[in-house]
Amino acid sequence: MTTQVYVPGPRAATSLHTYINDVLTTRYFDNKISRYLRPSDIDKLANDLNVRNIVESDRTIPRVKKNLLINVIKRKGRRMFIICVAAKITMHYLSIFLLHRATDAEIPFAHDKFIDQPQDVRDNASLFNEFQHLVPQALTGGGFAAHYSSAGVPIELPGSSQGVESLGSGGLMLNESISPEKMAQGEGWVEQQIRGLAGALKLIHEPQDSRTGVHHDIKPDNILACGNGVTLKFTDWGCASFRASDDTPLSSPKTSARGQFPYLPPEHLGALPAGSPTGRPHDVWALGCVFTEILVWLTEGKDGHGTFAKDVYEKEGEHDCWFVGQDSTLDLSKVLKDKLDLLELSKWRNMISIIRTMFTIDPQNRITARDLVTALNDSQNPI
């Protein structure tokens, strides 16, 4: 049983804020320090008594609304509660977050959350510093978007600039600084980012100091554009797993599919027989989806990408994914196969050939991250 930590009194929020900072776990990303709160500590701190004490002592909430907020936090906002206390965000703004469906189930938030909220949602100047230390995050103009690691044990990735967290702006397909038109002006930029993301995945998958990992939530929204030179980086490690490097397949905290998960591979959605492996091949499949979307977006623009995404997610198969069928009838969706055939006629012929190996239905025969990096750097068949 988890030992609870109670912070009574009118200064409960200050006491809990201090306690959170005392128990943060420090991890290193590319020579940068990030600090995390373990899931077990969240359970200790976001208990019913602390929620009630802090809401009751917060003068920004009218008394008639306090019981309602307390109940909402208990049902679906305990992690949001801890994040707000740690960042000194008042309970008034927490109620706004929860009202706009920014609940624990929505962490990390989509890019467009709070886009219409006023700037003073950022309760005070310290919010930026607090969040930079508490959670890997992206603070976007006009909104609040914290990428919170529920795994609590991020992998150390020395030497990789694309497998680490840093201040970023927007998801991959939403960032104006990397529009298709601007990308086309920078010869080699796309190829560089594709190789970089594949290299970051290889580093995650291969043993590092006797540990290895999987990401298990690779998708365009979880790839941020960072820095003036615009480097694409993986974010959101909430579904990741890290363990001692051995032959045991790596699983993920995401044990069942719920809602729309178009980037999940066949083996994760029960479309393959029981006992089929899930782990590293899961990430390779998802990255293949991302690479395909990048090329569609680059060659056909925003509208073309939107049409392709809608066709894949809404017209193909019961899973709303990139494959159709069940067991022996599994195959890539017609929309995807037609798009790959079309892209193969463009300058991306060699890249499409590699992407096809990422979409191998049988996870045991799917290309590995190591072999993917080798293929992307093959001078005889440049992408």
Protein backbone atom coordinates (compact mmCIF):
# COMPACT_ATOMS: atom_id res chain seq x y z
CA MET A 1 0.00 0.00 0.00
CA THR A 2 1.25 3.48 -0.91
CA THR A 3 2.08 5.66 2.10
CA GLN A 4 0.15 8.91 1.85
CA VAL A 5 1.67 12.34 2.43
CA TYR A 6 -0.67 14.95 3.92
CA VAL A 7 -0.21 18.74 3.85
CA PRO A 8 -2.88 20.33 6.08
CA GLY A 9 -3.50 23.98 6.82
CA PRO A 10 -4.05 27.23 4.90
CA ARG A 11 -0.57 27.01 3.35
CA ALA A 12 -1.13 23.51 2.00
CA ALA A 13 -0.34 24.49 -1.60
CA THR A 14 3.02 26.01 -0.61
CA SER A 15 3.88 22.97 1.50
CA LEU A 16 2.99 20.55 -1.28
CA HIS A 17 4.91 22.62 -3.84
CA THR A 18 7.99 22.40 -1.63
CA TYR A 19 7.54 18.68 -1.06
CA ILE A 20 7.23 18.00 -4.80
CA ASN A 21 10.52 19.76 -5.48
CA ASP A 22 12.19 17.76 -2.72
CA VAL A 23 11.19 14.38 -4.19
CA LEU A 24 11.78 15.03 -7.88
CA THR A 25 13.91 12.45 -9.65
CA THR A 26 16.82 13.77 -11.70
CA ARG A 27 17.68 12.29 -15.10
CA TYR A 28 20.14 13.41 -17.75
CA PHE A 29 19.34 13.99 -21.43
CA ASP A 30 22.22 14.87 -23.72
CA ASN A 31 24.14 16.56 -20.89
CA LYS A 32 21.00 18.41 -19.79
CA ILE A 33 19.22 17.81 -16.51
CA SER A 34 15.50 17.02 -16.42
CA ARG A 35 13.52 16.33 -13.26
CA TYR A 36 10.56 14.00 -12.91
CA LEU A 37 7.96 13.00 -10.36
CA ARG A 38 7.59 9.24 -9.95
CA PRO A 39 4.10 7.76 -10.38
CA SER A 40 4.32 6.43 -6.82
CA ASP A 41 4.90 9.96 -5.54
CA ILE A 42 1.89 11.21 -7.49
CA ASP A 43 -0.20 8.58 -5.71
CA LYS A 44 1.14 9.74 -2.35
CA LEU A 45 0.60 13.43 -2.97
CA ALA A 46 -2.63 13.63 -4.97
CA ASN A 47 -4.70 11.99 -2.25
CA ASP A 48 -8.24 13.07 -1.39
CA LEU A 49 -7.26 15.04 1.72
CA ASN A 50 -4.58 17.08 -0.06
CA VAL A 51 -6.92 17.82 -2.95
CA ARG A 52 -9.58 19.07 -0.56
CA ASN A 53 -7.16 21.09 1.61
CA ILE A 54 -5.58 22.89 -1.32
CA VAL A 55 -8.82 23.64 -3.14
CA GLU A 56 -10.46 24.81 0.09
CA SER A 57 -7.56 27.15 0.88
CA ASP A 58 -7.37 28.62 -2.64
CA ARG A 59 -9.08 32.02 -2.71
CA THR A 60 -9.32 32.12 -6.51
CA ILE A 61 -12.19 29.59 -6.47
CA PRO A 62 -15.68 30.68 -5.30
CA ARG A 63 -16.82 28.55 -2.38
CA VAL A 64 -19.89 27.33 -4.27
CA LYS A 65 -17.63 25.80 -6.93
CA LYS A 66 -15.06 24.17 -4.68
CA ASN A 67 -16.84 20.88 -4.06
CA LEU A 68 -17.46 20.45 -7.78
CA LEU A 69 -13.78 21.03 -8.58
CA ILE A 70 -12.69 18.64 -5.83
CA ASN A 71 -14.87 15.90 -7.29
CA VAL A 72 -13.62 16.52 -10.84
CA ILE A 73 -9.99 16.36 -9.69
CA LYS A 74 -10.64 13.09 -7.88
CA ARG A 75 -12.30 11.56 -10.94
CA LYS A 76 -9.98 12.65 -13.72
CA GLY A 77 -7.44 15.28 -12.74
CA ARG A 78 -5.02 14.10 -10.06
CA ARG A 79 -1.93 14.42 -12.26
CA MET A 80 -3.13 17.78 -13.55
CA PHE A 81 -3.58 18.80 -9.92
CA ILE A 82 0.04 17.90 -9.09
CA ILE A 83 1.38 19.66 -12.20
CA CYS A 84 -0.50 22.83 -11.31
CA VAL A 85 0.61 22.81 -7.68
CA ALA A 86 4.22 22.24 -8.74
CA ALA A 87 4.06 25.14 -11.21
CA LYS A 88 2.19 27.43 -8.78
CA ILE A 89 -0.85 27.56 -11.03
CA THR A 90 -3.97 28.45 -9.07
CA MET A 91 -6.94 26.13 -8.73
CA HIS A 92 -8.97 28.64 -10.74
CA TYR A 93 -6.87 27.86 -13.80
CA LEU A 94 -6.88 24.16 -13.04
CA SER A 95 -10.68 24.35 -13.24
CA ILE A 96 -10.32 26.02 -16.66
CA PHE A 97 -7.99 23.23 -17.81
CA LEU A 98 -10.36 20.51 -16.66
CA LEU A 99 -13.36 22.33 -18.11
CA HIS A 100 -11.65 22.32 -21.51
CA ARG A 101 -11.08 18.55 -21.26
CA ALA A 102 -7.42 18.82 -20.29
CA THR A 103 -7.71 15.88 -17.94
CA ASP A 104 -5.19 13.21 -16.98
CA ALA A 105 -6.40 11.20 -19.98
CA GLU A 106 -5.35 14.05 -22.27
CA ILE A 107 -1.73 14.23 -21.09
CA PRO A 108 0.19 15.09 -23.22
CA PHE A 109 -2.13 17.70 -24.62
CA ALA A 110 -2.79 18.11 -28.29
CA HIS A 111 -1.27 21.18 -29.91
CA ASP A 112 -4.55 23.09 -30.14
CA LYS A 113 -5.59 22.82 -26.49
CA PHE A 114 -6.19 26.21 -24.82
CA ILE A 115 -5.42 28.05 -28.02
CA ASP A 116 -8.28 30.46 -27.20
CA GLN A 117 -7.34 30.90 -23.57
CA PRO A 118 -5.92 34.26 -22.43
CA GLN A 119 -2.21 34.64 -21.89
CA ASP A 120 -2.66 35.10 -18.13
CA VAL A 121 -3.31 31.37 -17.83
CA ARG A 122 0.43 31.44 -17.21
CA ASP A 123 -0.08 32.32 -13.59
CA ASN A 124 3.29 33.90 -12.95
CA ALA A 125 6.74 34.22 -14.42
CA SER A 126 8.06 31.21 -12.53
CA LEU A 127 5.80 28.85 -14.51
CA PHE A 128 8.33 28.60 -17.32
CA ASN A 129 11.19 27.69 -15.01
CA GLU A 130 9.11 25.32 -12.91
CA PHE A 131 7.83 23.39 -15.89
CA GLN A 132 11.22 23.26 -17.53
CA HIS A 133 12.50 21.34 -14.52
CA LEU A 134 9.43 19.31 -13.67
CA VAL A 135 8.38 17.88 -17.02
CA PRO A 136 9.71 17.58 -20.56
CA GLN A 137 7.46 20.04 -22.29
CA ALA A 138 6.52 22.34 -25.10
CA LEU A 139 5.07 25.75 -24.30
CA THR A 140 3.35 26.99 -27.44
CA GLY A 141 2.25 30.52 -28.19
CA GLY A 142 -1.24 31.17 -26.90
CA GLY A 143 -1.53 27.91 -25.06
CA PHE A 144 -0.26 25.49 -22.51
CA ALA A 145 1.04 22.05 -23.52
CA ALA A 146 2.96 19.99 -20.99
CA HIS A 147 4.39 16.66 -22.06
CA TYR A 148 4.41 14.64 -18.87
CA SER A 149 6.32 11.39 -18.49
CA SER A 150 4.12 8.97 -16.57
CA ALA A 151 6.82 6.35 -16.97
CA GLY A 152 8.96 8.33 -14.54
CA VAL A 153 12.17 6.67 -15.70
CA PRO A 154 13.33 8.30 -18.94
CA ILE A 155 16.19 6.61 -20.72
CA GLU A 156 19.54 8.38 -20.82
CA LEU A 157 20.50 9.14 -24.40
CA PRO A 158 24.04 10.54 -24.44
CA GLY A 159 25.18 11.52 -27.90
CA SER A 160 21.71 11.79 -29.43
CA SER A 161 20.25 15.21 -30.11
CA GLN A 162 16.99 13.78 -31.47
CA GLY A 163 16.01 11.34 -28.76
CA VAL A 164 15.93 13.87 -25.95
CA GLU A 165 13.52 16.40 -24.56
CA SER A 166 13.94 20.13 -24.95
CA LEU A 167 11.87 23.26 -25.38
CA GLY A 168 10.02 22.87 -28.66
CA SER A 169 7.20 24.45 -30.59
CA GLY A 170 4.28 22.53 -31.98
CA GLY A 171 3.75 19.09 -33.43
CA LEU A 172 5.42 18.00 -36.64
CA MET A 173 2.57 18.76 -39.02
CA LEU A 174 1.50 21.99 -37.31
CA ASN A 175 4.70 24.00 -37.04
CA GLU A 176 4.81 26.92 -39.45
CA SER A 177 8.61 27.05 -39.40
CA ILE A 178 8.74 23.68 -41.17
CA SER A 179 6.02 24.11 -43.76
CA PRO A 180 6.42 22.06 -46.97
CA GLU A 181 7.37 25.22 -48.87
CA LYS A 182 10.12 26.11 -46.41
CA MET A 183 11.38 22.55 -46.20
CA ALA A 184 11.77 22.39 -49.96
CA GLN A 185 14.13 25.38 -49.79
CA GLY A 186 16.56 23.52 -47.56
CA GLU A 187 18.16 20.81 -49.67
CA GLY A 188 18.89 17.78 -47.54
CA TRP A 189 16.99 18.93 -44.46
CA VAL A 190 14.29 16.27 -44.74
CA GLU A 191 16.82 13.50 -45.28
CA GLN A 192 18.84 14.74 -42.30
CA GLN A 193 15.80 14.69 -40.00
CA ILE A 194 14.71 11.24 -41.18
CA ARG A 195 18.18 9.85 -40.49
CA GLY A 196 18.29 11.65 -37.15
CA LEU A 197 14.99 10.23 -35.93
CA ALA A 198 15.97 6.74 -37.04
CA GLY A 199 19.29 7.14 -35.22
CA ALA A 200 17.50 8.26 -32.06
CA LEU A 201 15.23 5.21 -32.24
CA LYS A 202 18.25 2.93 -32.68
CA LEU A 203 19.79 4.45 -29.56
CA ILE A 204 16.58 3.88 -27.59
CA HIS A 205 16.30 0.26 -28.73
CA GLU A 206 19.90 -0.78 -28.22
CA PRO A 207 21.49 -1.41 -24.81
CA GLN A 208 22.79 1.68 -23.04
CA ASP A 209 24.61 0.95 -19.79
CA SER A 210 22.84 -2.45 -19.66
CA ARG A 211 19.41 -0.84 -20.22
CA THR A 212 17.25 -0.71 -23.32
CA GLY A 213 13.87 0.72 -24.13
CA VAL A 214 10.89 1.29 -26.40
CA HIS A 215 8.94 4.49 -27.00
CA HIS A 216 5.55 3.02 -27.97
CA ASP A 217 3.82 6.29 -28.81
CA ILE A 218 5.57 7.58 -31.92
CA LYS A 219 3.31 9.84 -33.98
CA PRO A 220 3.54 13.31 -35.57
CA ASP A 221 2.12 15.04 -32.47
CA ASN A 222 4.96 13.54 -30.42
CA ILE A 223 7.70 14.89 -32.66
CA LEU A 224 8.55 18.49 -31.87
CA ALA A 225 10.37 21.12 -33.89
CA CYS A 226 13.21 22.48 -31.76
CA GLY A 227 15.79 25.25 -32.16
CA ASN A 228 16.33 27.94 -34.77
CA GLY A 229 17.74 25.39 -37.18
CA VAL A 230 14.64 23.25 -36.61
CA THR A 231 15.62 19.80 -35.40
CA LEU A 232 12.87 17.21 -35.04
CA LYS A 233 12.90 15.42 -31.69
CA PHE A 234 10.88 12.68 -30.04
CA THR A 235 8.83 13.70 -27.04
CA ASP A 236 6.26 12.16 -24.66
CA TRP A 237 7.75 9.13 -22.91
CA GLY A 238 4.54 8.35 -21.04
CA CYS A 239 4.02 4.99 -22.81
CA ALA A 240 7.70 4.03 -22.81
CA SER A 241 9.29 1.01 -21.14
CA PHE A 242 12.88 0.69 -19.98
CA ARG A 243 14.50 -2.40 -18.53
CA ALA A 244 17.69 -4.40 -18.30
CA SER A 245 18.89 -5.44 -21.75
CA ASP A 246 18.12 -9.12 -22.25
CA ASP A 247 16.05 -11.25 -24.60
CA THR A 248 12.76 -10.50 -22.86
CA PRO A 249 10.33 -8.67 -25.18
CA LEU A 250 9.68 -5.12 -24.07
CA SER A 251 6.10 -4.35 -23.25
CA SER A 252 4.41 -1.00 -22.78
CA PRO A 253 2.19 0.53 -20.09
CA LYS A 254 -0.35 0.99 -22.87
CA THR A 255 -1.83 -2.50 -22.55
CA SER A 256 -5.02 -2.02 -24.53
CA ALA A 257 -6.12 0.15 -27.42
CA ARG A 258 -8.74 2.78 -26.64
CA GLY A 259 -10.09 5.43 -28.94
CA GLN A 260 -8.26 6.09 -32.18
CA PHE A 261 -4.71 4.82 -32.26
CA PRO A 262 -3.90 4.80 -35.99
CA TYR A 263 -0.17 4.37 -35.40
CA LEU A 264 -0.46 1.07 -33.55
CA PRO A 265 0.89 -1.96 -35.45
CA PRO A 266 -1.13 -5.12 -36.18
CA GLU A 267 0.41 -7.09 -33.31
CA HIS A 268 -0.69 -4.51 -30.72
CA LEU A 269 -4.35 -4.47 -31.70
CA GLY A 270 -4.90 -8.21 -31.52
CA ALA A 271 -4.98 -8.57 -35.29
CA LEU A 272 -2.22 -11.20 -35.07
CA PRO A 273 -2.45 -14.50 -33.17
CA ALA A 274 -1.94 -14.52 -29.39
CA GLY A 275 1.71 -14.65 -28.45
CA SER A 276 2.91 -12.46 -31.31
CA PRO A 277 5.70 -10.21 -30.03
CA THR A 278 5.22 -6.55 -29.29
CA GLY A 279 8.07 -4.24 -28.45
CA ARG A 280 10.73 -2.68 -30.66
CA PRO A 281 8.95 -3.57 -33.95
CA HIS A 282 6.01 -1.50 -32.68
CA ASP A 283 8.17 1.65 -32.80
CA VAL A 284 9.51 0.83 -36.27
CA TRP A 285 5.99 0.49 -37.68
CA ALA A 286 4.88 3.78 -36.11
CA LEU A 287 7.96 5.60 -37.40
CA GLY A 288 7.16 4.23 -40.86
CA CYS A 289 3.75 5.90 -40.56
CA VAL A 290 5.43 9.19 -39.60
CA PHE A 291 7.93 9.00 -42.47
CA THR A 292 5.08 8.35 -44.91
CA GLU A 293 3.13 11.34 -43.62
CA ILE A 294 6.20 13.56 -43.90
CA LEU A 295 6.63 12.63 -47.57
CA VAL A 296 2.93 13.07 -48.36
CA TRP A 297 2.96 16.42 -46.58
CA LEU A 298 6.12 17.48 -48.42
CA THR A 299 4.98 16.44 -51.90
CA GLU A 300 1.26 17.26 -51.69
CA GLY A 301 1.12 20.02 -49.10
CA LYS A 302 -1.18 20.48 -46.12
CA ASP A 303 -4.38 19.74 -48.03
CA GLY A 304 -2.98 16.59 -49.61
CA HIS A 305 -1.77 15.35 -46.26
CA GLY A 306 -5.14 16.07 -44.68
CA THR A 307 -6.95 14.11 -47.38
CA PHE A 308 -4.57 11.16 -47.03
CA ALA A 309 -4.91 11.09 -43.24
CA LYS A 310 -8.69 11.23 -43.46
CA ASP A 311 -8.76 8.39 -46.00
CA VAL A 312 -6.50 6.20 -43.88
CA TYR A 313 -8.24 6.81 -40.57
CA GLU A 314 -11.87 6.92 -41.66
CA LYS A 315 -12.25 4.59 -44.62
CA GLU A 316 -10.05 1.60 -43.96
CA GLY A 317 -10.74 -1.26 -41.59
CA GLU A 318 -12.34 -1.60 -38.21
CA HIS A 319 -9.18 -0.45 -36.40
CA ASP A 320 -8.85 2.91 -38.20
CA CYS A 321 -5.22 2.05 -38.79
CA TRP A 322 -2.84 1.54 -41.67
CA PHE A 323 -3.69 -2.13 -42.15
CA VAL A 324 -6.83 -4.16 -42.78
CA GLY A 325 -7.91 -7.74 -42.24
CA GLN A 326 -7.32 -10.28 -39.51
CA ASP A 327 -4.70 -13.02 -38.99
CA SER A 328 -3.86 -14.60 -42.38
CA THR A 329 -5.72 -11.90 -44.34
CA LEU A 330 -3.76 -8.98 -42.87
CA ASP A 331 -2.47 -6.50 -45.39
CA LEU A 332 -1.68 -2.82 -45.75
CA SER A 333 -4.73 -0.71 -46.49
CA LYS A 334 -5.43 0.10 -50.13
CA VAL A 335 -5.10 3.82 -49.40
CA LEU A 336 -1.59 3.28 -48.02
CA LYS A 337 -0.49 0.93 -50.81
CA ASP A 338 -1.72 3.32 -53.49
CA LYS A 339 0.05 6.24 -51.83
CA LEU A 340 3.34 4.32 -51.53
CA ASP A 341 3.10 3.35 -55.21
CA LEU A 342 2.56 7.00 -56.15
CA LEU A 343 5.43 8.28 -54.00
CA GLU A 344 7.70 5.63 -55.48
CA LEU A 345 7.42 7.44 -58.82
CA SER A 346 8.89 10.60 -57.26
CA LYS A 347 12.41 11.44 -56.10
CA TRP A 348 11.68 9.42 -52.94
CA ARG A 349 11.86 6.02 -54.66
CA ASN A 350 14.65 4.66 -52.46
CA MET A 351 13.04 6.06 -49.32
CA ILE A 352 9.75 4.34 -50.13
CA SER A 353 11.59 1.07 -50.63
CA ILE A 354 12.90 1.39 -47.07
CA ILE A 355 9.52 2.43 -45.67
CA ARG A 356 7.97 -0.74 -47.10
CA THR A 357 10.30 -2.80 -44.89
CA MET A 358 9.00 -0.84 -41.89
CA PHE A 359 5.46 -1.96 -42.80
CA THR A 360 6.16 -5.69 -42.77
CA ILE A 361 3.07 -7.27 -41.19
CA ASP A 362 4.97 -9.94 -39.25
CA PRO A 363 6.86 -8.07 -36.50
CA GLN A 364 9.57 -10.74 -36.39
CA ASN A 365 10.46 -9.97 -40.01
CA ARG A 366 10.12 -6.18 -39.76
CA ILE A 367 13.32 -4.19 -40.22
CA THR A 368 15.11 -3.27 -36.98
CA ALA A 369 16.13 0.26 -36.04
CA ARG A 370 19.78 -0.74 -36.49
CA ASP A 371 19.19 -2.00 -40.04
CA LEU A 372 16.99 1.01 -40.75
CA VAL A 373 19.85 3.38 -39.94
CA THR A 374 22.17 1.35 -42.16
CA ALA A 375 19.70 1.48 -45.06
CA LEU A 376 19.13 5.23 -44.70
CA ASN A 377 22.88 5.85 -44.84
CA ASP A 378 23.59 3.56 -47.81
CA SER A 379 25.58 5.69 -50.24
CA GLN A 380 24.82 3.27 -53.09
CA ASN A 381 21.07 3.86 -52.69
CA PRO A 382 20.75 7.40 -51.29
CA ILE A 383 17.37 8.52 -50.04
